[in-house]
Amino acid sequence: MPPTSSAPPWDVHRLPRAEGSSVLVTGGNAGIGYFIAEQLSATGATVVLGSRDPARAEAAITSIRSHVPGADVRAVRLDLADPASLRAAAESLEVHALDAVVHNAGVALDDPPRRETGDGHELMFGTNHLGHFALTARLMPLLSAAPAARVVTVGSFAAKSERLDLDDLQSRRDYRAKRTYGRSKLAQMYFGLELDRRLRALGSPVQSLVVHPGGALDSLTPPRPPVHARSAGARLRAAPAALLVQGKHAGAWPAVRAVLDPAARGGQLWGPHLFGLRGTPRQEAVWSQLSDTAVAARLWEASCHLTDVDPGNLRG
């Protein structure tokens, strides 16, 4: 079935109102996560930033409030590489129901050496995938308490050319930083789609969607000091790239639409409409490797074993 779009046409600059809803954005203090949080705040939603660094979270909150007067935004401490912090973060949300969580935070290492979390997991796989996998389990009671909650997992276009090695998920035998990052994001995307299949089988009202930001560069991103600064020189040097990619404010659009658009549905993949790299968000066909449900099921079972939790348990 070809991708469909909602009617009336979606306008990234005229978002629907969302007063009374609560959204957690992991990594909402910087990069794409910051702009997801800023744009959702403009709808009247209560936005909670999940952040490891209280000072950076406070800077982000100040910036959001300066651009969105009256924004209802706050932060909770969240370290996805530390399982002990996940339950505490869920409890500190202080909400009776959670309408959406955007799994955006991530670690990207450019060079060796291979690093591990405190639990001995490869850092990028352990943070980007396992951390969000376990966090979802902790949040499931709050998500299930909402009328129609959404789990939105932010993948990466870098994952499109990757394949998972189910026998070496931790990259112990063959570690290459960029490939390991791409595979960690691919694992996240498998998780988001498999989660929706399991939620549907359980008759849950919670839906799980997957998005990716396309190509999103700092140099094409509007300044948000002190969260993000951009020199005039950097902007000029990056101008030719704007034909193919975009800034992180635009990279946030698919996630924001997946949270807000009533026409979006669980199990869908959303990304930029121009070659998957830039432009307004649209639903796109699920990538061929992500359609392999056998791989998704094996990854799920391995993730349950590695985290000792199961997001498919709606009691959390």
Protein backbone atom coordinates (compact mmCIF):
# COMPACT_ATOMS: atom_id res chain seq x y z
CA MET A 1 0.00 0.00 0.00
CA PRO A 2 1.49 3.42 -0.91
CA PRO A 3 2.05 5.99 1.84
CA THR A 4 -0.91 8.22 2.61
CA SER A 5 -1.11 11.76 3.91
CA SER A 6 -3.59 13.40 6.20
CA ALA A 7 -6.20 15.99 5.18
CA PRO A 8 -6.15 18.93 5.54
CA PRO A 9 -2.49 19.21 4.49
CA TRP A 10 -0.05 19.17 7.37
CA ASP A 11 1.60 22.55 8.04
CA VAL A 12 4.78 22.39 10.12
CA HIS A 13 4.29 26.04 11.02
CA ARG A 14 0.64 25.69 12.10
CA LEU A 15 0.55 22.75 14.48
CA PRO A 16 -2.68 21.54 16.12
CA ARG A 17 -3.24 22.54 19.73
CA ALA A 18 -2.44 19.94 22.38
CA GLU A 19 -3.36 21.50 25.72
CA GLY A 20 -3.82 18.95 28.46
CA SER A 21 -1.40 16.42 26.96
CA SER A 22 1.97 15.44 28.42
CA VAL A 23 5.02 14.43 26.38
CA LEU A 24 8.45 13.20 27.46
CA VAL A 25 11.31 13.94 25.04
CA THR A 26 14.54 12.11 25.80
CA GLY A 27 17.59 14.18 25.01
CA GLY A 28 15.37 17.25 24.78
CA ASN A 29 18.11 19.60 25.91
CA ALA A 30 20.07 19.70 22.62
CA GLY A 31 20.02 19.06 18.88
CA ILE A 32 16.92 17.64 17.25
CA GLY A 33 15.46 16.80 20.65
CA TYR A 34 15.56 20.44 21.65
CA PHE A 35 13.57 21.48 18.59
CA ILE A 36 11.07 18.64 19.09
CA ALA A 37 10.52 19.99 22.61
CA GLU A 38 10.29 23.61 21.47
CA GLN A 39 7.79 22.83 18.71
CA LEU A 40 5.62 20.65 20.96
CA SER A 41 5.68 23.35 23.65
CA ALA A 42 4.18 25.78 21.15
CA THR A 43 1.07 23.57 20.94
CA GLY A 44 0.25 24.03 24.63
CA ALA A 45 1.36 20.53 25.61
CA THR A 46 3.25 19.90 28.84
CA VAL A 47 6.74 18.91 27.71
CA VAL A 48 9.25 17.13 29.94
CA LEU A 49 12.89 17.04 28.92
CA GLY A 50 14.75 13.86 29.83
CA SER A 51 18.38 14.85 30.32
CA ARG A 52 21.55 13.59 32.01
CA ASP A 53 22.79 17.13 32.67
CA PRO A 54 20.62 19.43 34.85
CA ALA A 55 22.53 22.55 33.76
CA ARG A 56 22.01 21.84 30.06
CA ALA A 57 18.36 21.00 30.69
CA GLU A 58 17.87 24.32 32.48
CA ALA A 59 19.49 26.20 29.59
CA ALA A 60 17.14 24.46 27.17
CA ILE A 61 14.11 25.31 29.30
CA THR A 62 15.14 28.97 29.40
CA SER A 63 15.58 29.02 25.63
CA ILE A 64 12.22 27.34 24.98
CA ARG A 65 10.44 29.81 27.24
CA SER A 66 12.10 32.73 25.46
CA HIS A 67 10.77 31.47 22.10
CA VAL A 68 7.45 30.11 23.38
CA PRO A 69 6.06 32.49 26.01
CA GLY A 70 4.10 30.61 28.63
CA ALA A 71 5.57 27.24 27.65
CA ASP A 72 4.81 24.47 30.14
CA VAL A 73 8.19 22.75 30.14
CA ARG A 74 10.33 21.11 32.80
CA ALA A 75 13.00 18.44 33.11
CA VAL A 76 13.71 15.11 34.78
CA ARG A 77 17.11 13.54 35.18
CA LEU A 78 17.46 10.61 32.79
CA ASP A 79 20.57 8.61 31.95
CA LEU A 80 19.73 5.89 29.43
CA ALA A 81 23.01 4.13 30.10
CA ASP A 82 22.08 3.72 33.78
CA PRO A 83 19.15 1.34 34.36
CA ALA A 84 18.79 2.59 37.93
CA SER A 85 17.83 6.04 36.68
CA LEU A 86 14.99 4.82 34.44
CA ARG A 87 12.50 3.90 37.14
CA ALA A 88 13.34 7.09 39.06
CA ALA A 89 12.73 9.15 35.93
CA ALA A 90 9.35 7.51 35.32
CA GLU A 91 8.32 8.14 38.92
CA SER A 92 9.48 11.76 38.84
CA LEU A 93 7.27 12.64 35.86
CA GLU A 94 4.46 13.40 38.33
CA VAL A 95 1.70 12.71 35.81
CA HIS A 96 -1.19 10.27 36.00
CA ALA A 97 -0.93 9.51 32.28
CA LEU A 98 1.64 10.12 29.56
CA ASP A 99 0.31 10.93 26.10
CA ALA A 100 3.59 10.43 24.25
CA VAL A 101 7.26 9.68 24.66
CA VAL A 102 9.76 10.64 21.98
CA HIS A 103 12.82 8.38 22.10
CA ASN A 104 15.34 10.85 20.73
CA ALA A 105 18.42 10.82 22.95
CA GLY A 106 21.49 9.09 21.66
CA VAL A 107 25.23 8.66 21.78
CA ALA A 108 27.33 8.81 18.61
CA LEU A 109 31.03 7.99 18.82
CA ASP A 110 33.23 8.80 15.83
CA ASP A 111 36.34 6.84 16.73
CA PRO A 112 37.55 3.87 18.74
CA PRO A 113 38.12 2.68 21.37
CA ARG A 114 34.98 0.70 22.07
CA ARG A 115 33.29 1.86 25.28
CA GLU A 116 30.76 0.22 27.59
CA THR A 117 27.98 1.24 29.94
CA GLY A 118 28.20 0.42 33.63
CA ASP A 119 26.32 -2.82 32.90
CA GLY A 120 28.89 -3.90 30.33
CA HIS A 121 26.91 -3.13 27.17
CA GLU A 122 28.55 -1.46 24.19
CA LEU A 123 27.85 2.23 24.82
CA MET A 124 25.88 3.15 21.68
CA PHE A 125 23.81 -0.04 21.55
CA GLY A 126 23.29 0.08 25.33
CA THR A 127 22.20 3.72 25.34
CA ASN A 128 20.41 4.24 22.05
CA HIS A 129 18.55 0.92 21.93
CA LEU A 130 18.61 -0.90 25.26
CA GLY A 131 18.11 2.29 27.29
CA HIS A 132 14.99 3.26 25.36
CA PHE A 133 13.77 -0.35 25.35
CA ALA A 134 13.95 -0.46 29.16
CA LEU A 135 12.57 3.05 29.58
CA THR A 136 9.48 2.08 27.57
CA ALA A 137 8.83 -0.77 29.98
CA ARG A 138 9.01 1.64 32.92
CA LEU A 139 6.67 4.10 31.20
CA MET A 140 4.09 1.58 29.99
CA PRO A 141 1.68 2.00 32.93
CA LEU A 142 1.57 5.78 32.31
CA LEU A 143 1.24 5.34 28.55
CA SER A 144 -1.53 2.77 28.99
CA ALA A 145 -3.40 5.19 31.26
CA ALA A 146 -3.70 7.75 28.42
CA PRO A 147 -6.59 7.46 25.93
CA ALA A 148 -4.34 6.95 22.89
CA ALA A 149 -0.67 7.35 23.77
CA ARG A 150 2.14 7.23 21.25
CA VAL A 151 5.69 5.94 21.46
CA VAL A 152 7.76 7.73 18.82
CA THR A 153 11.22 6.31 18.17
CA VAL A 154 13.70 8.52 16.33
CA GLY A 155 15.89 6.41 14.09
CA SER A 156 18.46 7.60 11.58
CA PHE A 157 18.94 7.67 7.83
CA ALA A 158 22.40 6.27 8.65
CA ALA A 159 20.68 3.01 9.58
CA LYS A 160 19.25 2.46 6.11
CA SER A 161 22.41 0.87 4.74
CA GLU A 162 23.04 -1.28 7.83
CA ARG A 163 22.05 -4.80 8.80
CA LEU A 164 22.00 -6.23 12.32
CA ASP A 165 24.40 -8.97 13.35
CA LEU A 166 22.26 -10.82 15.86
CA ASP A 167 25.25 -12.87 16.94
CA ASP A 168 27.29 -9.75 17.74
CA LEU A 169 24.82 -7.10 18.93
CA GLN A 170 27.46 -5.68 21.29
CA SER A 171 30.11 -5.33 18.54
CA ARG A 172 32.61 -7.33 20.55
CA ARG A 173 34.08 -9.19 17.59
CA ASP A 174 34.14 -6.35 15.07
CA TYR A 175 33.81 -2.79 16.37
CA ARG A 176 33.66 0.09 13.91
CA ALA A 177 32.25 3.24 15.46
CA LYS A 178 30.14 4.57 12.59
CA ARG A 179 28.77 1.14 11.72
CA THR A 180 28.01 0.36 15.36
CA TYR A 181 26.13 3.67 15.63
CA GLY A 182 24.09 2.91 12.51
CA ARG A 183 23.25 -0.54 13.83
CA SER A 184 22.20 0.86 17.21
CA LYS A 185 19.76 3.18 15.44
CA LEU A 186 18.54 0.31 13.25
CA ALA A 187 17.90 -1.71 16.41
CA GLN A 188 15.82 1.18 17.74
CA MET A 189 13.75 1.22 14.58
CA TYR A 190 13.19 -2.54 14.68
CA PHE A 191 12.08 -2.10 18.28
CA GLY A 192 9.59 0.65 17.48
CA LEU A 193 7.87 -1.46 14.81
CA GLU A 194 7.94 -4.68 16.82
CA LEU A 195 6.53 -2.84 19.82
CA ASP A 196 3.53 -1.77 17.78
CA ARG A 197 2.90 -5.33 16.56
CA ARG A 198 2.92 -6.57 20.15
CA LEU A 199 0.70 -3.75 21.37
CA ARG A 200 -1.83 -4.52 18.62
CA ALA A 201 -1.82 -8.19 19.60
CA LEU A 202 -2.61 -7.19 23.19
CA GLY A 203 -5.41 -4.81 22.17
CA SER A 204 -3.58 -1.84 23.70
CA PRO A 205 -4.59 1.72 22.77
CA VAL A 206 -0.88 2.70 22.79
CA GLN A 207 0.63 3.05 19.32
CA SER A 208 4.30 2.95 18.34
CA LEU A 209 5.67 4.87 15.36
CA VAL A 210 9.17 5.24 13.93
CA VAL A 211 10.63 8.39 12.39
CA HIS A 212 13.94 9.61 11.06
CA PRO A 213 15.16 13.20 10.58
CA GLY A 214 16.87 12.78 7.22
CA GLY A 215 20.03 14.86 6.93
CA ALA A 216 20.15 17.44 9.72
CA LEU A 217 23.20 19.70 10.15
CA ASP A 218 24.13 22.08 12.96
CA SER A 219 25.32 24.62 10.38
CA LEU A 220 21.81 24.86 8.86
CA THR A 221 20.09 25.11 12.24
CA PRO A 222 18.78 28.45 13.55
CA PRO A 223 20.68 29.65 16.63
CA ARG A 224 19.34 29.00 20.10
CA PRO A 225 22.08 30.33 22.38
CA PRO A 226 23.39 28.93 24.63
CA VAL A 227 21.85 25.64 23.50
CA HIS A 228 23.02 26.07 19.92
CA ALA A 229 25.16 28.81 18.37
CA ARG A 230 25.89 29.27 14.67
CA SER A 231 28.40 31.64 13.11
CA ALA A 232 27.67 33.54 9.92
CA GLY A 233 30.67 31.86 8.32
CA ALA A 234 29.39 28.39 9.14
CA ARG A 235 26.01 29.26 7.66
CA LEU A 236 27.56 30.51 4.43
CA ARG A 237 29.82 27.47 4.08
CA ALA A 238 26.84 25.16 4.58
CA ALA A 239 24.54 26.98 2.13
CA PRO A 240 25.19 24.60 -0.81
CA ALA A 241 24.32 21.62 1.40
CA ALA A 242 20.83 23.07 1.91
CA LEU A 243 19.93 21.69 -1.52
CA LEU A 244 20.17 18.17 -0.09
CA VAL A 245 19.85 18.39 3.69
CA GLN A 246 18.40 20.69 6.34
CA GLY A 247 18.78 22.01 9.86
CA LYS A 248 17.91 20.22 13.07
CA HIS A 249 14.77 22.33 13.49
CA ALA A 250 13.45 20.68 10.31
CA GLY A 251 14.83 17.31 11.38
CA ALA A 252 12.39 17.53 14.29
CA TRP A 253 9.34 17.73 12.03
CA PRO A 254 8.72 13.99 11.47
CA ALA A 255 8.75 13.28 15.22
CA VAL A 256 6.45 16.20 15.97
CA ARG A 257 4.01 15.03 13.31
CA ALA A 258 4.11 11.46 14.63
CA VAL A 259 3.12 12.78 18.06
CA LEU A 260 0.37 15.14 16.92
CA ASP A 261 -1.15 14.09 13.60
CA PRO A 262 -4.42 12.20 14.21
CA ALA A 263 -3.96 10.51 10.82
CA ALA A 264 -0.63 8.94 11.84
CA ARG A 265 -0.89 5.30 12.90
CA GLY A 266 1.17 2.78 14.79
CA GLY A 267 3.59 0.73 12.72
CA GLN A 268 4.29 3.58 10.31
CA LEU A 269 7.62 5.14 9.32
CA TRP A 270 7.84 8.92 8.82
CA GLY A 271 10.66 11.02 7.37
CA PRO A 272 11.39 14.05 5.15
CA HIS A 273 9.65 13.93 1.79
CA LEU A 274 12.57 14.85 -0.51
CA PHE A 275 14.66 11.70 -1.00
CA GLY A 276 14.25 10.98 2.70
CA LEU A 277 16.80 13.73 3.41
CA ARG A 278 15.01 17.06 3.64
CA GLY A 279 11.62 18.72 3.48
CA THR A 280 8.30 18.43 5.22
CA PRO A 281 7.40 15.11 6.87
CA ARG A 282 5.50 12.32 5.18
CA GLN A 283 4.81 8.65 5.73
CA GLU A 284 7.21 6.49 3.75
CA ALA A 285 7.40 2.81 2.97
CA VAL A 286 9.00 0.75 5.72
CA TRP A 287 12.58 -0.07 4.72
CA SER A 288 13.08 -3.59 3.41
CA GLN A 289 15.24 -4.84 6.30
CA LEU A 290 12.78 -3.46 8.86
CA SER A 291 10.07 -5.67 7.35
CA ASP A 292 11.88 -8.78 8.60
CA THR A 293 9.71 -9.68 11.59
CA ALA A 294 11.88 -12.68 12.46
CA VAL A 295 14.88 -10.43 13.05
CA ALA A 296 12.70 -8.04 15.05
CA ALA A 297 11.42 -10.87 17.25
CA ARG A 298 14.92 -12.21 17.91
CA LEU A 299 16.17 -8.71 18.77
CA TRP A 300 13.21 -8.27 21.15
CA GLU A 301 13.98 -11.49 23.00
CA ALA A 302 17.67 -10.61 23.23
CA SER A 303 16.80 -7.14 24.53
CA CYS A 304 14.49 -8.58 27.19
CA HIS A 305 17.33 -10.84 28.32
CA LEU A 306 19.87 -8.00 28.40
CA THR A 307 17.63 -5.55 30.29
CA ASP A 308 15.53 -7.90 32.45
CA VAL A 309 12.36 -6.03 31.41
CA ASP A 310 9.68 -6.50 28.75
CA PRO A 311 7.96 -3.41 27.26
CA GLY A 312 5.21 -5.73 26.07
CA ASN A 313 4.15 -6.19 29.68
CA LEU A 314 1.56 -3.44 29.97
CA ARG A 315 1.81 -3.41 33.77
CA GLY A 316 5.44 -2.26 33.53
